[in-house]
Amino acid sequence: MKEEDKLWEKVKRDFPYDPALQEVHYARLKIHEQTKGMSDHEFVNYIRKKAEKVVRGSRNLVSD
């Protein structure tokens, strides 16, 4: 079973009746998995890169 599927199973067990909380919880678990073992500095850089992608994407939406 893929790691993504395992995360979704856990999320659906934890929040069976709330799709919004499932989405948030899944995102949190996925970030946790992707950043395991990172130093604080590496983690901050990871979050900054993700945030820059979001900001660039939102600028494209506004300019369209």
N, C-alpha and C. Protein backbone atom coordinates (compact mmCIF):
# COMPACT_ATOMS: atom_id res chain seq x y z
N MET A 1 0.85 -1.19 0.00
CA MET A 1 0.00 0.00 0.00
C MET A 1 0.89 1.24 0.00
N LYS A 2 0.53 2.21 -0.81
CA LYS A 2 1.31 3.43 -0.89
C LYS A 2 1.19 4.25 0.40
N GLU A 3 2.24 5.00 0.69
CA GLU A 3 2.26 5.83 1.90
C GLU A 3 1.09 6.82 1.90
N GLU A 4 0.78 7.36 0.73
CA GLU A 4 -0.33 8.32 0.62
C GLU A 4 -1.64 7.66 1.05
N ASP A 5 -1.86 6.43 0.62
CA ASP A 5 -3.08 5.70 1.00
C ASP A 5 -3.15 5.47 2.51
N LYS A 6 -2.00 5.15 3.11
CA LYS A 6 -1.96 4.93 4.55
C LYS A 6 -2.32 6.21 5.31
N LEU A 7 -1.80 7.33 4.81
CA LEU A 7 -2.12 8.60 5.46
C LEU A 7 -3.61 8.90 5.38
N TRP A 8 -4.19 8.68 4.19
CA TRP A 8 -5.63 8.93 4.03
C TRP A 8 -6.46 8.02 4.93
N GLU A 9 -6.05 6.78 5.07
CA GLU A 9 -6.78 5.86 5.97
C GLU A 9 -6.78 6.38 7.40
N LYS A 10 -5.62 6.83 7.86
CA LYS A 10 -5.51 7.36 9.21
C LYS A 10 -6.39 8.59 9.37
N VAL A 11 -6.34 9.49 8.40
CA VAL A 11 -7.11 10.74 8.45
C VAL A 11 -8.61 10.43 8.49
N LYS A 12 -9.05 9.51 7.67
CA LYS A 12 -10.48 9.18 7.63
C LYS A 12 -10.94 8.52 8.92
N ARG A 13 -10.05 7.77 9.57
CA ARG A 13 -10.38 7.19 10.87
C ARG A 13 -10.49 8.29 11.94
N ASP A 14 -9.55 9.23 11.89
CA ASP A 14 -9.51 10.29 12.90
C ASP A 14 -10.65 11.29 12.75
N PHE A 15 -11.06 11.56 11.51
CA PHE A 15 -12.11 12.57 11.25
C PHE A 15 -13.12 12.00 10.25
N PRO A 16 -13.89 11.00 10.67
CA PRO A 16 -14.76 10.29 9.72
C PRO A 16 -15.89 11.13 9.12
N TYR A 17 -16.31 12.17 9.78
CA TYR A 17 -17.48 12.91 9.30
C TYR A 17 -17.15 14.35 8.90
N ASP A 18 -15.87 14.66 8.73
CA ASP A 18 -15.50 16.04 8.44
C ASP A 18 -14.45 16.11 7.32
N PRO A 19 -14.90 16.22 6.08
CA PRO A 19 -13.96 16.26 4.94
C PRO A 19 -12.98 17.43 5.01
N ALA A 20 -13.40 18.56 5.56
CA ALA A 20 -12.49 19.71 5.66
C ALA A 20 -11.34 19.41 6.61
N LEU A 21 -11.66 18.84 7.77
CA LEU A 21 -10.60 18.48 8.70
C LEU A 21 -9.74 17.34 8.15
N GLN A 22 -10.31 16.47 7.36
CA GLN A 22 -9.52 15.42 6.71
C GLN A 22 -8.46 16.04 5.82
N GLU A 23 -8.84 17.02 5.04
CA GLU A 23 -7.88 17.68 4.13
C GLU A 23 -6.75 18.35 4.90
N VAL A 24 -7.11 19.09 5.94
CA VAL A 24 -6.10 19.79 6.74
C VAL A 24 -5.18 18.79 7.44
N HIS A 25 -5.76 17.78 8.03
CA HIS A 25 -4.97 16.78 8.75
C HIS A 25 -4.05 16.02 7.79
N TYR A 26 -4.56 15.69 6.61
CA TYR A 26 -3.73 15.00 5.61
C TYR A 26 -2.53 15.87 5.23
N ALA A 27 -2.78 17.15 4.98
CA ALA A 27 -1.69 18.05 4.61
C ALA A 27 -0.64 18.11 5.72
N ARG A 28 -1.09 18.18 6.96
CA ARG A 28 -0.17 18.23 8.08
C ARG A 28 0.66 16.95 8.18
N LEU A 29 0.00 15.80 8.02
CA LEU A 29 0.72 14.53 8.08
C LEU A 29 1.71 14.38 6.93
N LYS A 30 1.31 14.82 5.76
CA LYS A 30 2.19 14.73 4.59
C LYS A 30 3.44 15.60 4.78
N ILE A 31 3.25 16.81 5.28
CA ILE A 31 4.39 17.69 5.56
C ILE A 31 5.28 17.04 6.61
N HIS A 32 4.68 16.47 7.64
CA HIS A 32 5.46 15.80 8.68
C HIS A 32 6.32 14.68 8.09
N GLU A 33 5.72 13.87 7.22
CA GLU A 33 6.46 12.77 6.59
C GLU A 33 7.60 13.29 5.72
N GLN A 34 7.35 14.36 4.97
CA GLN A 34 8.34 14.89 4.05
C GLN A 34 9.48 15.61 4.77
N THR A 35 9.27 16.01 6.00
CA THR A 35 10.29 16.79 6.70
C THR A 35 10.93 16.06 7.87
N LYS A 36 10.62 14.78 8.01
CA LYS A 36 11.24 13.98 9.08
C LYS A 36 12.75 14.07 8.98
N GLY A 37 13.39 14.30 10.09
CA GLY A 37 14.84 14.31 10.13
C GLY A 37 15.49 15.61 9.68
N MET A 38 14.69 16.58 9.27
CA MET A 38 15.27 17.86 8.85
C MET A 38 15.66 18.67 10.08
N SER A 39 16.71 19.45 9.89
CA SER A 39 17.07 20.40 10.94
C SER A 39 16.06 21.54 10.91
N ASP A 40 16.08 22.38 11.93
CA ASP A 40 15.17 23.54 11.95
C ASP A 40 15.39 24.42 10.72
N HIS A 41 16.65 24.63 10.38
CA HIS A 41 17.00 25.46 9.22
C HIS A 41 16.45 24.85 7.93
N GLU A 42 16.63 23.56 7.76
CA GLU A 42 16.12 22.88 6.57
C GLU A 42 14.59 22.96 6.50
N PHE A 43 13.95 22.81 7.66
CA PHE A 43 12.49 22.87 7.71
C PHE A 43 11.99 24.26 7.31
N VAL A 44 12.62 25.29 7.83
CA VAL A 44 12.23 26.66 7.48
C VAL A 44 12.41 26.89 5.98
N ASN A 45 13.51 26.43 5.42
CA ASN A 45 13.73 26.59 3.97
C ASN A 45 12.68 25.82 3.17
N TYR A 46 12.31 24.65 3.62
CA TYR A 46 11.27 23.84 2.97
C TYR A 46 9.96 24.62 2.94
N ILE A 47 9.55 25.15 4.09
CA ILE A 47 8.30 25.90 4.17
C ILE A 47 8.36 27.16 3.30
N ARG A 48 9.48 27.84 3.30
CA ARG A 48 9.63 29.05 2.47
C ARG A 48 9.46 28.72 0.98
N LYS A 49 10.07 27.63 0.54
CA LYS A 49 9.94 27.24 -0.87
C LYS A 49 8.49 26.93 -1.22
N LYS A 50 7.81 26.22 -0.33
CA LYS A 50 6.39 25.91 -0.57
C LYS A 50 5.57 27.20 -0.60
N ALA A 51 5.85 28.11 0.31
CA ALA A 51 5.11 29.38 0.37
C ALA A 51 5.35 30.21 -0.89
N GLU A 52 6.59 30.23 -1.38
CA GLU A 52 6.90 30.97 -2.60
C GLU A 52 6.09 30.43 -3.79
N LYS A 53 5.94 29.11 -3.87
CA LYS A 53 5.13 28.51 -4.94
C LYS A 53 3.69 29.00 -4.85
N VAL A 54 3.16 29.05 -3.64
CA VAL A 54 1.78 29.48 -3.45
C VAL A 54 1.63 30.95 -3.86
N VAL A 55 2.57 31.78 -3.45
CA VAL A 55 2.51 33.20 -3.77
C VAL A 55 2.62 33.41 -5.28
N ARG A 56 3.54 32.71 -5.92
CA ARG A 56 3.67 32.83 -7.38
C ARG A 56 2.39 32.39 -8.07
N GLY A 57 1.80 31.32 -7.61
CA GLY A 57 0.56 30.83 -8.20
C GLY A 57 -0.58 31.80 -8.02
N SER A 58 -0.66 32.44 -6.86
CA SER A 58 -1.75 33.39 -6.61
C SER A 58 -1.54 34.65 -7.44
N ARG A 59 -0.33 35.03 -7.70
CA ARG A 59 -0.08 36.21 -8.56
C ARG A 59 -0.58 35.95 -9.98
N ASN A 60 -0.40 34.73 -10.44
CA ASN A 60 -0.87 34.37 -11.78
C ASN A 60 -2.39 34.43 -11.84
N LEU A 61 -3.05 34.03 -10.77
CA LEU A 61 -4.52 34.08 -10.74
C LEU A 61 -5.01 35.52 -10.77
N VAL A 62 -4.34 36.40 -10.05
CA VAL A 62 -4.75 37.80 -9.96
C VAL A 62 -4.52 38.51 -11.29
N SER A 63 -3.42 38.18 -11.97
CA SER A 63 -3.11 38.87 -13.22
C SER A 63 -3.91 38.38 -14.41
N ASP A 64 -4.55 37.22 -14.29
CA ASP A 64 -5.35 36.68 -15.41
C ASP A 64 -6.63 37.45 -15.63
